[in-house]
């Protein structure tokens, strides 16, 4: 029987379902706060972080796969090509890092808005806006907004897929929500397959244990289908280039330091002080203030869950918390090193219970509302100041590296290292990309050529072996011409061993010069 309720001052009866739909529309009809948060996120990154930022090491690997600037760098087993597909439209048109940063920053702002917009009928606009602001204000999020790295996009996929899951479980009429959930999981899998597997497992468990969940079997099937579709390219590539799926998984584990049982929570705490990668993370904990929010996070999440239960929003907040913890656990307890970007998907989901807690604390409590608002405002101001200092320090470090790499590439070109050419050794990936050369390593994680083949390549084209900090060159390069290079950050004594005898510019002016490598001997 259809339930009805009378409203004071109205001569007619309004069905309860109509009232709920009206409430839902009212919640969904406030996109401006979410759009403002997303726009501020993109604009602040473009204004304060992006200027002068060259490509990092991992970024260079991803971008080089589709950029005409240089041959593709070696693509190791753990990597997925999702981020490469995302940057392809820009790299096909220009090699400008500035254009790539602008494109990714705008996409990051749009992605944040869309991921939050999925939740518009599940949580109040105030909670969503605060959650978006908290997530966007982290130095990790702000730094990677314009980076060609997959983790932020996994966060968006996870946030959107959980929201779609809740809507599909609540209302069988929202068929698009099922599609959105599958698309979110597939998108996350395309970017980072391992994260998507944990995401799908968490959603499967939720479908089986959450009360009043409709279409349980269909939800599980869609989550699994999303993983299969998103990982299909990665699995096919495993059989084509890595000797099968098992071999690729084994090699990926080796490159990541052999996955197993580790307690890496303290590593992540130290990495929050402004380290893109902490491996091995045996450095002193120099900036305790940078991790205060990390220690407060479990308390705020618990407070958010408690507030959601009181406000009858238990399912959205509890599920966001559960999936966020599931995405964080593998990096905290199975990987033996830390990179702050690994936890971005968890932070995006855990921002929802934290926002619920803060909105509840600052709600209408006449006796202590002003005190609560003041304390929260001061804490947030201090948090934002710390995050700004950290992201500014990170960006400044990358800018200095960019300037050093530009000088190194110019020095190599002046010595005749021009395409077609090969660069090997320390920082070969970034230097080779800027020089227009291929990067090849005879050993290590990126081993793609033997020493004998590299020495043979030097008979046909320029080869540069980069060495730093007093290290000796490989045996095949010890008789090559030595040329000092500018220092790269803290890497002192940077130098190149160059195949051939004379710089190309000098040889071109000599009688009897012919094209090709090596040059004629005089």
Protein backbone atom coordinates (compact mmCIF):
# COMPACT_ATOMS: atom_id res chain seq x y z
CA UNK A 1 0.00 0.00 0.00
CA UNK A 2 1.34 3.43 -0.88
CA UNK A 3 2.13 5.44 2.24
CA UNK A 4 0.96 9.04 2.45
CA UNK A 5 1.60 11.91 4.82
CA UNK A 6 -0.14 15.23 5.34
CA UNK A 7 1.88 18.45 5.26
CA UNK A 8 0.70 21.33 7.41
CA UNK A 9 -0.94 24.04 5.35
CA UNK A 10 -1.55 21.85 2.28
CA UNK A 11 -5.07 20.65 1.40
CA UNK A 12 -3.86 17.52 -0.37
CA UNK A 13 -1.82 14.44 0.43
CA UNK A 14 1.72 13.87 -0.95
CA UNK A 15 2.89 10.27 -1.40
CA UNK A 16 5.91 9.36 0.69
CA UNK A 17 7.78 8.14 -2.42
CA UNK A 18 7.27 11.52 -4.06
CA UNK A 19 8.62 13.26 -0.99
CA UNK A 20 11.72 11.05 -1.01
CA UNK A 21 12.26 11.76 -4.70
CA UNK A 22 11.87 15.47 -4.03
CA UNK A 23 14.43 15.26 -1.22
CA UNK A 24 16.81 13.34 -3.48
CA UNK A 25 16.46 15.92 -6.23
CA UNK A 26 17.05 18.66 -3.69
CA UNK A 27 20.29 17.03 -2.62
CA UNK A 28 21.38 16.47 -6.22
CA UNK A 29 20.53 20.00 -7.31
CA UNK A 30 23.57 21.59 -5.70
CA UNK A 31 26.52 21.02 -7.99
CA UNK A 32 28.10 24.43 -7.43
CA UNK A 33 29.98 23.60 -4.18
CA UNK A 34 31.45 20.46 -5.73
CA UNK A 35 32.33 22.29 -8.94
CA UNK A 36 33.98 25.07 -6.91
CA UNK A 37 36.14 22.56 -5.02
CA UNK A 38 37.16 20.80 -8.24
CA UNK A 39 37.92 24.06 -10.06
CA UNK A 40 39.97 25.40 -7.15
CA UNK A 41 41.91 22.14 -7.08
CA UNK A 42 42.86 22.38 -10.76
CA UNK A 43 43.61 26.11 -10.69
CA UNK A 44 45.80 25.97 -7.58
CA UNK A 45 47.82 23.16 -9.10
CA UNK A 46 48.28 25.08 -12.35
CA UNK A 47 49.27 28.26 -10.52
CA UNK A 48 51.50 26.94 -7.74
CA UNK A 49 52.75 23.47 -8.68
CA UNK A 50 52.79 22.88 -12.43
CA UNK A 51 55.02 25.75 -13.68
CA UNK A 52 58.50 24.50 -14.56
CA UNK A 53 57.82 20.86 -13.74
CA UNK A 54 59.53 18.47 -16.15
CA UNK A 55 58.69 14.80 -16.42
CA UNK A 56 59.77 12.49 -13.62
CA UNK A 57 61.32 9.06 -14.09
CA UNK A 58 58.07 7.04 -14.02
CA UNK A 59 56.27 9.69 -16.01
CA UNK A 60 58.92 9.51 -18.71
CA UNK A 61 58.41 5.75 -19.03
CA UNK A 62 54.65 6.16 -19.48
CA UNK A 63 54.81 9.17 -21.82
CA UNK A 64 57.62 7.77 -23.98
CA UNK A 65 55.35 4.91 -25.08
CA UNK A 66 53.31 7.32 -27.22
CA UNK A 67 55.53 10.38 -27.60
CA UNK A 68 57.40 11.07 -30.87
CA UNK A 69 60.16 12.78 -28.87
CA UNK A 70 62.16 9.58 -28.24
CA UNK A 71 61.90 5.78 -28.59
CA UNK A 72 59.79 4.05 -25.91
CA UNK A 73 61.54 3.33 -22.62
CA UNK A 74 61.57 -0.20 -21.24
CA UNK A 75 58.12 -1.06 -19.82
CA UNK A 76 58.61 -3.24 -16.75
CA UNK A 77 56.26 -5.98 -15.59
CA UNK A 78 54.31 -4.15 -12.83
CA UNK A 79 53.29 -1.24 -15.06
CA UNK A 80 49.94 -0.88 -16.81
CA UNK A 81 49.26 1.28 -19.84
CA UNK A 82 46.17 3.11 -18.64
CA UNK A 83 47.93 6.40 -17.95
CA UNK A 84 49.70 6.12 -21.32
CA UNK A 85 46.33 5.96 -23.07
CA UNK A 86 45.16 8.95 -21.02
CA UNK A 87 48.05 11.19 -22.13
CA UNK A 88 48.14 9.97 -25.74
CA UNK A 89 45.83 12.71 -27.16
CA UNK A 90 48.22 15.44 -26.00
CA UNK A 91 51.53 13.72 -26.71
CA UNK A 92 50.35 13.05 -30.26
CA UNK A 93 50.05 16.81 -30.81
CA UNK A 94 52.91 18.29 -28.81
CA UNK A 95 55.96 17.37 -26.75
CA UNK A 96 55.45 20.33 -24.43
CA UNK A 97 55.45 19.34 -20.72
CA UNK A 98 53.47 22.49 -19.98
CA UNK A 99 50.65 21.42 -22.29
CA UNK A 100 50.62 17.97 -20.71
CA UNK A 101 50.47 19.44 -17.19
CA UNK A 102 47.58 21.73 -18.12
CA UNK A 103 45.67 18.90 -19.78
CA UNK A 104 46.09 16.54 -16.82
CA UNK A 105 45.26 19.23 -14.25
CA UNK A 106 41.99 20.07 -15.99
CA UNK A 107 41.15 16.38 -16.27
CA UNK A 108 41.99 15.91 -12.58
CA UNK A 109 39.57 18.67 -11.62
CA UNK A 110 36.84 17.16 -13.81
CA UNK A 111 37.55 13.71 -12.42
CA UNK A 112 37.19 14.92 -8.84
CA UNK A 113 33.86 16.56 -9.63
CA UNK A 114 32.46 13.50 -11.40
CA UNK A 115 33.62 11.08 -8.70
CA UNK A 116 31.92 13.18 -6.01
CA UNK A 117 28.84 13.81 -8.16
CA UNK A 118 28.05 10.08 -8.14
CA UNK A 119 27.45 10.38 -4.39
CA UNK A 120 24.99 13.27 -4.64
CA UNK A 121 21.95 11.20 -3.60
CA UNK A 122 23.83 9.31 -0.92
CA UNK A 123 25.40 12.07 1.19
CA UNK A 124 24.68 15.76 1.76
CA UNK A 125 26.41 18.31 -0.40
CA UNK A 126 28.24 19.72 2.62
CA UNK A 127 29.83 16.35 3.39
CA UNK A 128 30.85 15.83 -0.24
CA UNK A 129 32.31 19.32 -0.60
CA UNK A 130 34.31 18.98 2.62
CA UNK A 131 35.52 15.51 1.60
CA UNK A 132 36.61 16.80 -1.80
CA UNK A 133 38.41 19.74 -0.22
CA UNK A 134 40.19 17.54 2.32
CA UNK A 135 41.36 15.09 -0.34
CA UNK A 136 42.42 17.83 -2.76
CA UNK A 137 44.35 19.71 -0.07
CA UNK A 138 46.79 16.86 0.64
CA UNK A 139 50.21 17.62 -0.80
CA UNK A 140 50.22 14.18 -2.40
CA UNK A 141 46.98 14.89 -4.29
CA UNK A 142 48.03 18.40 -5.25
CA UNK A 143 51.44 17.29 -6.48
CA UNK A 144 50.11 14.42 -8.61
CA UNK A 145 47.15 16.32 -10.09
CA UNK A 146 49.12 17.13 -13.23
CA UNK A 147 51.45 14.13 -13.18
CA UNK A 148 51.29 11.29 -15.70
CA UNK A 149 50.91 8.75 -12.91
CA UNK A 150 48.05 6.26 -12.37
CA UNK A 151 47.30 6.48 -8.64
CA UNK A 152 45.05 9.56 -8.62
CA UNK A 153 42.97 8.05 -11.41
CA UNK A 154 42.62 4.81 -9.49
CA UNK A 155 41.30 6.94 -6.62
CA UNK A 156 38.66 8.47 -8.87
CA UNK A 157 37.67 5.08 -10.26
CA UNK A 158 37.38 3.62 -6.75
CA UNK A 159 35.36 6.57 -5.41
CA UNK A 160 32.96 6.49 -8.37
CA UNK A 161 32.53 2.71 -8.37
CA UNK A 162 31.69 2.59 -4.65
CA UNK A 163 29.10 5.33 -5.08
CA UNK A 164 27.57 3.54 -8.07
CA UNK A 165 27.55 0.27 -6.11
CA UNK A 166 25.51 1.87 -3.32
CA UNK A 167 23.02 3.38 -5.74
CA UNK A 168 22.63 0.13 -7.67
CA UNK A 169 22.16 -1.83 -4.42
CA UNK A 170 19.56 0.62 -3.16
CA UNK A 171 17.46 1.17 -6.27
CA UNK A 172 16.99 -1.57 -8.92
CA UNK A 173 15.67 1.11 -11.28
CA UNK A 174 19.06 2.80 -11.58
CA UNK A 175 20.44 0.58 -14.31
CA UNK A 176 23.11 3.13 -15.22
CA UNK A 177 24.57 2.72 -11.71
CA UNK A 178 25.49 -0.89 -12.51
CA UNK A 179 27.20 0.28 -15.68
CA UNK A 180 28.95 3.03 -13.75
CA UNK A 181 30.20 0.58 -11.13
CA UNK A 182 31.62 -1.76 -13.75
CA UNK A 183 33.17 1.16 -15.65
CA UNK A 184 34.78 2.50 -12.46
CA UNK A 185 36.32 -0.85 -11.61
CA UNK A 186 37.48 -1.35 -15.22
CA UNK A 187 39.01 2.13 -15.29
CA UNK A 188 40.90 1.44 -12.07
CA UNK A 189 42.09 -1.90 -13.49
CA UNK A 190 43.30 -0.23 -16.67
CA UNK A 191 45.38 2.14 -14.55
CA UNK A 192 46.61 -0.28 -11.89
CA UNK A 193 45.37 -3.90 -12.00
CA UNK A 194 46.39 -4.87 -8.46
CA UNK A 195 44.39 -2.03 -6.91
CA UNK A 196 41.33 -2.96 -8.97
CA UNK A 197 41.47 -6.56 -7.74
CA UNK A 198 41.32 -5.39 -4.11
CA UNK A 199 38.55 -2.94 -5.02
CA UNK A 200 36.45 -5.66 -6.65
CA UNK A 201 37.03 -8.03 -3.72
CA UNK A 202 35.86 -5.38 -1.26
CA UNK A 203 32.72 -4.69 -3.31
CA UNK A 204 32.04 -8.42 -3.57
CA UNK A 205 32.21 -8.83 0.18
CA UNK A 206 29.97 -5.81 0.62
CA UNK A 207 27.41 -7.22 -1.79
CA UNK A 208 27.30 -10.47 0.19
CA UNK A 209 27.16 -9.08 3.74
CA UNK A 210 25.38 -5.72 3.57
CA UNK A 211 21.76 -5.90 4.73
CA UNK A 212 18.94 -4.93 2.36
CA UNK A 213 21.24 -5.16 -0.66
CA UNK A 214 19.34 -5.90 -3.85
CA UNK A 215 20.67 -7.84 -6.85
CA UNK A 216 23.61 -9.27 -4.92
CA UNK A 217 24.62 -11.73 -7.62
CA UNK A 218 24.46 -9.12 -10.36
CA UNK A 219 26.64 -6.73 -8.35
CA UNK A 220 29.27 -9.43 -7.88
CA UNK A 221 29.21 -10.30 -11.59
CA UNK A 222 29.55 -6.66 -12.66
CA UNK A 223 32.50 -6.11 -10.29
CA UNK A 224 34.26 -9.20 -11.64
CA UNK A 225 33.48 -8.21 -15.23
CA UNK A 226 35.00 -4.78 -14.60
CA UNK A 227 38.26 -6.37 -13.42
CA UNK A 228 38.33 -8.74 -16.41
CA UNK A 229 37.76 -5.99 -18.96
CA UNK A 230 40.20 -3.57 -17.35
CA UNK A 231 42.96 -6.17 -16.93
CA UNK A 232 42.50 -7.76 -20.37
CA UNK A 233 45.23 -5.72 -22.05
CA UNK A 234 47.65 -6.34 -19.17
CA UNK A 235 47.02 -10.10 -19.30
CA UNK A 236 47.37 -10.26 -23.09
CA UNK A 237 50.62 -8.33 -22.89
CA UNK A 238 51.83 -10.78 -20.25
CA UNK A 239 51.57 -13.65 -22.73
CA UNK A 240 52.98 -11.64 -25.65
CA UNK A 241 56.01 -10.07 -23.94
CA UNK A 242 56.59 -11.63 -20.51
CA UNK A 243 56.18 -15.37 -21.00
CA UNK A 244 52.71 -15.67 -19.48
CA UNK A 245 50.63 -14.29 -16.65
CA UNK A 246 52.40 -16.22 -13.90
CA UNK A 247 55.80 -15.12 -15.17
CA UNK A 248 54.71 -11.50 -15.28
CA UNK A 249 53.26 -11.63 -11.78
CA UNK A 250 56.45 -13.23 -10.49
CA UNK A 251 58.60 -10.61 -12.18
CA UNK A 252 56.38 -7.80 -10.90
CA UNK A 253 56.77 -9.12 -7.36
CA UNK A 254 60.57 -9.25 -7.77
CA UNK A 255 60.71 -5.64 -8.99
CA UNK A 256 58.58 -4.53 -6.04
CA UNK A 257 60.96 -6.22 -3.62
CA UNK A 258 59.14 -9.58 -3.37
CA UNK A 259 55.64 -9.05 -1.99
CA UNK A 260 55.13 -10.59 1.43
CA UNK A 261 54.46 -9.66 5.02
CA UNK A 262 55.89 -6.23 5.91
CA UNK A 263 54.96 -3.58 8.41
CA UNK A 264 55.35 -0.46 6.28
CA UNK A 265 53.14 1.95 8.24
CA UNK A 266 56.18 3.73 9.64
CA UNK A 267 57.66 3.92 6.15
CA UNK A 268 54.58 5.73 4.89
CA UNK A 269 54.69 8.08 7.87
CA UNK A 270 58.28 9.07 7.04
CA UNK A 271 57.46 9.40 3.35
CA UNK A 272 54.77 11.97 4.11
CA UNK A 273 57.56 14.40 4.93
CA UNK A 274 57.99 15.11 1.23
CA UNK A 275 59.37 11.99 -0.44
CA UNK A 276 58.01 10.71 -3.74
CA UNK A 277 59.60 7.32 -3.03
CA UNK A 278 61.08 5.95 0.17
CA UNK A 279 63.01 2.82 -0.85
CA UNK A 280 64.65 1.65 1.29
CA UNK A 281 62.91 3.79 3.89
CA UNK A 282 65.63 3.79 6.53
CA UNK A 283 65.82 7.60 6.71
CA UNK A 284 65.28 9.62 9.91
CA UNK A 285 61.81 10.95 10.67
CA UNK A 286 62.65 14.63 10.25
CA UNK A 287 59.21 16.23 9.86
CA UNK A 288 56.77 14.82 12.46
CA UNK A 289 54.27 17.63 11.86
CA UNK A 290 53.73 16.41 8.30
CA UNK A 291 52.13 13.20 9.60
CA UNK A 292 49.86 14.60 12.32
CA UNK A 293 46.83 14.24 10.07
CA UNK A 294 47.82 10.62 9.35
CA UNK A 295 47.68 9.78 13.06
CA UNK A 296 44.39 11.67 13.44
CA UNK A 297 42.85 9.86 10.47
CA UNK A 298 41.70 6.68 12.30
CA UNK A 299 40.06 8.76 15.05
CA UNK A 300 38.30 11.03 12.57
CA UNK A 301 37.14 8.06 10.50
CA UNK A 302 35.72 6.38 13.61
CA UNK A 303 34.00 9.63 14.52
CA UNK A 304 32.57 9.86 11.03
CA UNK A 305 31.17 6.33 11.18
CA UNK A 306 29.56 7.08 14.54
CA UNK A 307 28.08 10.33 13.22
CA UNK A 308 26.76 8.56 10.12
CA UNK A 309 24.99 5.95 12.26
CA UNK A 310 23.26 8.72 14.18
CA UNK A 311 22.32 10.52 10.97
CA UNK A 312 21.06 7.27 9.37
CA UNK A 313 23.72 7.33 6.65
CA UNK A 314 25.44 4.21 7.88
CA UNK A 315 25.72 2.29 4.60
CA UNK A 316 27.55 4.93 2.48
CA UNK A 317 30.04 5.89 5.18
CA UNK A 318 30.70 2.36 6.41
CA UNK A 319 31.23 1.04 2.87
CA UNK A 320 33.56 3.93 1.97
CA UNK A 321 35.55 3.18 5.12
CA UNK A 322 35.70 -0.55 4.46
CA UNK A 323 36.85 -0.19 0.85
CA UNK A 324 39.35 2.53 1.79
CA UNK A 325 40.93 0.26 4.39
CA UNK A 326 40.97 -2.63 1.90
CA UNK A 327 42.85 -0.50 -0.65
CA UNK A 328 45.37 0.74 1.93
CA UNK A 329 46.14 -2.60 3.60
CA UNK A 330 48.21 -4.15 0.76
CA UNK A 331 50.58 -1.19 0.70
CA UNK A 332 50.83 -0.96 4.47
CA UNK A 333 51.46 -4.65 5.09
CA UNK A 334 52.67 -6.42 1.90
CA UNK A 335 55.05 -3.94 0.19
CA UNK A 336 58.42 -3.33 1.80
CA UNK A 337 58.75 0.34 0.88
CA UNK A 338 56.59 3.45 0.69
CA UNK A 339 55.40 6.00 -1.83
CA UNK A 340 52.69 8.43 -0.64
CA UNK A 341 50.83 8.18 -3.96
CA UNK A 342 50.10 4.49 -3.32
CA UNK A 343 47.50 5.44 -0.69
CA UNK A 344 45.65 8.04 -2.77
CA UNK A 345 42.69 5.70 -3.48
CA UNK A 346 42.35 4.99 0.24
CA UNK A 347 42.56 8.68 1.11
CA UNK A 348 39.83 9.55 -1.40
CA UNK A 349 37.38 7.12 0.21
CA UNK A 350 38.37 7.80 3.83
CA UNK A 351 37.84 11.53 3.22
CA UNK A 352 34.08 10.82 3.29
CA UNK A 353 33.86 9.61 6.92
CA UNK A 354 36.30 12.32 7.98
CA UNK A 355 34.09 14.95 6.34
CA UNK A 356 31.02 13.43 7.99
CA UNK A 357 32.76 13.74 11.35
CA UNK A 358 33.75 17.39 10.83
CA UNK A 359 30.31 18.40 9.57
CA UNK A 360 28.74 16.72 12.58
CA UNK A 361 31.14 18.38 15.03
CA UNK A 362 30.49 21.81 13.51
CA UNK A 363 26.74 21.22 13.34
CA UNK A 364 24.04 23.08 15.29
CA UNK A 365 25.07 22.50 18.90
CA UNK A 366 24.27 25.83 20.62
CA UNK A 367 26.39 25.26 23.70
CA UNK A 368 29.70 24.40 22.08
CA UNK A 369 29.27 24.97 18.35
CA UNK A 370 31.46 28.09 18.27
CA UNK A 371 34.26 26.38 20.16
CA UNK A 372 34.14 23.36 17.86
CA UNK A 373 34.13 25.51 14.73
CA UNK A 374 37.08 27.51 16.05
CA UNK A 375 39.13 24.43 16.89
CA UNK A 376 38.40 22.82 13.50
CA UNK A 377 39.21 26.06 11.67
CA UNK A 378 42.57 26.42 13.40
CA UNK A 379 43.45 22.76 12.81
CA UNK A 380 42.51 22.98 9.12
CA UNK A 381 44.51 26.19 8.69
CA UNK A 382 47.60 24.58 10.19
CA UNK A 383 47.04 21.47 8.07
CA UNK A 384 46.75 23.50 4.86
CA UNK A 385 49.90 25.48 5.70
CA UNK A 386 51.91 22.28 6.24
CA UNK A 387 50.59 20.73 3.03
CA UNK A 388 51.47 23.85 1.05
CA UNK A 389 55.04 23.87 2.39
CA UNK A 390 55.48 20.21 1.48
CA UNK A 391 54.09 20.46 -2.05
CA UNK A 392 56.11 23.62 -2.70
CA UNK A 393 59.26 21.83 -1.54
CA UNK A 394 58.51 18.85 -3.77
CA UNK A 395 57.80 21.03 -6.79
CA UNK A 396 60.95 23.08 -6.23
CA UNK A 397 63.05 19.91 -6.11
CA UNK A 398 61.58 18.71 -9.40
CA UNK A 399 62.16 22.11 -11.00
CA UNK A 400 65.83 21.99 -10.05
CA UNK A 401 66.11 18.47 -11.47
CA UNK A 402 64.41 19.66 -14.65
CA UNK A 403 66.96 22.44 -15.10
CA UNK A 404 69.87 20.04 -14.44
CA UNK A 405 68.52 17.48 -16.90
CA UNK A 406 68.10 20.15 -19.55
CA UNK A 407 71.77 21.13 -19.16
CA UNK A 408 72.88 17.49 -19.25
CA UNK A 409 70.90 16.81 -22.44
CA UNK A 410 72.38 19.93 -24.06
CA UNK A 411 75.90 18.84 -23.11
CA UNK A 412 75.36 15.40 -24.64
CA UNK A 413 73.98 16.83 -27.85
CA UNK A 414 76.99 19.12 -28.11
CA UNK A 415 79.18 16.00 -27.90
CA UNK A 416 77.40 14.36 -30.80
CA UNK A 417 74.83 12.27 -28.95
CA UNK A 418 71.89 12.81 -31.27
CA UNK A 419 69.19 10.53 -32.69
CA UNK A 420 69.48 7.74 -33.46
CA UNK A 421 71.38 7.15 -30.25
CA UNK A 422 71.32 5.18 -26.99
CA UNK A 423 71.82 6.30 -23.39
CA UNK A 424 72.53 3.84 -20.58
CA UNK A 425 73.54 4.06 -16.93
CA UNK A 426 72.45 6.43 -14.15
CA UNK A 427 69.24 8.36 -14.88
CA UNK A 428 69.29 7.03 -18.44
CA UNK A 429 65.50 7.15 -18.86
CA UNK A 430 65.06 10.87 -18.21
CA UNK A 431 68.29 11.93 -19.95
CA UNK A 432 67.61 9.77 -23.01
CA UNK A 433 64.08 11.11 -23.42
CA UNK A 434 65.26 14.71 -23.34
CA UNK A 435 68.06 13.93 -25.78
CA UNK A 436 65.78 12.05 -28.17
CA UNK A 437 67.64 8.78 -27.60
CA UNK A 438 66.59 5.29 -26.64
CA UNK A 439 67.32 4.24 -23.05
CA UNK A 440 68.71 0.75 -22.64
CA UNK A 441 70.04 -0.96 -19.53
CA UNK A 442 72.11 -4.18 -19.57
CA UNK A 443 70.91 -5.18 -16.10
CA UNK A 444 68.59 -4.38 -13.21
CA UNK A 445 64.82 -4.04 -13.28
CA UNK A 446 64.91 -2.43 -16.73
CA UNK A 447 67.37 -4.84 -18.30
CA UNK A 448 66.56 -4.80 -22.02
CA UNK A 449 69.92 -5.40 -23.71
CA UNK A 450 73.11 -7.36 -23.09
CA UNK A 451 76.49 -5.64 -22.62
CA UNK A 452 77.68 -7.26 -25.84
CA UNK A 453 74.69 -5.94 -27.79
CA UNK A 454 75.18 -2.46 -26.33
CA UNK A 455 78.85 -2.48 -27.35
CA UNK A 456 77.83 -3.61 -30.83
CA UNK A 457 75.28 -0.81 -31.02
CA UNK A 458 78.10 1.66 -30.38
CA UNK A 459 79.61 0.65 -33.74
CA UNK A 460 76.52 1.91 -35.56
CA UNK A 461 75.29 4.93 -33.58
CA UNK A 462 76.25 7.16 -30.63
CA UNK A 463 76.05 5.51 -27.23
CA UNK A 464 76.49 7.32 -23.91
CA UNK A 465 76.98 5.54 -20.59
CA UNK A 466 76.23 7.80 -17.62
CA UNK A 467 78.09 7.35 -14.33
CA UNK A 468 77.98 9.38 -11.11
CA UNK A 469 79.50 9.64 -7.63
CA UNK A 470 82.81 7.95 -8.32
CA UNK A 471 81.37 4.75 -9.78
CA UNK A 472 83.34 2.94 -12.46
CA UNK A 473 81.97 2.51 -15.97
CA UNK A 474 81.23 -0.98 -17.33
CA UNK A 475 84.11 -2.83 -18.95
CA UNK A 476 82.95 -2.25 -22.51
CA UNK A 477 82.92 1.53 -22.00
CA UNK A 478 86.18 2.09 -20.10
CA UNK A 479 88.12 3.03 -23.23
CA UNK A 480 85.43 5.38 -24.49
CA UNK A 481 85.81 9.14 -24.44
CA UNK A 482 85.09 10.65 -21.00
CA UNK A 483 83.09 13.87 -20.80
CA UNK A 484 82.09 15.57 -17.51
CA UNK A 485 78.45 16.59 -17.12
CA UNK A 486 76.62 19.04 -14.83
CA UNK A 487 75.60 17.60 -11.47
CA UNK A 488 72.07 16.25 -11.19
CA UNK A 489 70.65 17.32 -7.86
CA UNK A 490 72.74 15.59 -5.20
CA UNK A 491 74.43 13.35 -7.75
CA UNK A 492 77.93 14.78 -7.89
CA UNK A 493 80.61 13.69 -10.31
CA UNK A 494 78.13 13.08 -13.11
CA UNK A 495 79.93 12.13 -16.32
CA UNK A 496 79.40 10.35 -19.61
CA UNK A 497 81.47 7.77 -21.43
CA UNK A 498 80.87 8.34 -25.14
CA UNK A 499 81.47 5.90 -27.96
CA UNK A 500 83.46 7.29 -30.90
CA UNK A 501 86.47 9.60 -30.77
CA UNK A 502 85.42 13.18 -31.43
CA UNK A 503 82.32 15.34 -31.03
CA UNK A 504 80.11 15.28 -34.09
CA UNK A 505 80.26 19.01 -34.68
CA UNK A 506 84.06 18.87 -34.81
CA UNK A 507 84.08 15.86 -37.13
CA UNK A 508 81.73 17.49 -39.60
CA UNK A 509 84.33 20.21 -40.20
CA UNK A 510 87.12 17.73 -40.91
CA UNK A 511 88.05 16.49 -44.42
CA UNK A 512 86.86 13.00 -45.32
CA UNK A 513 83.83 13.09 -42.98
CA UNK A 514 81.08 10.63 -43.90
CA UNK A 515 77.73 10.09 -42.19
CA UNK A 516 77.17 7.11 -39.95
CA UNK A 517 78.70 5.90 -36.68
CA UNK A 518 81.46 5.37 -35.74
CA UNK A 519 83.30 8.16 -37.45
CA UNK A 520 86.41 7.54 -39.57
CA UNK A 521 89.62 7.22 -37.56
CA UNK A 522 92.33 9.82 -38.21
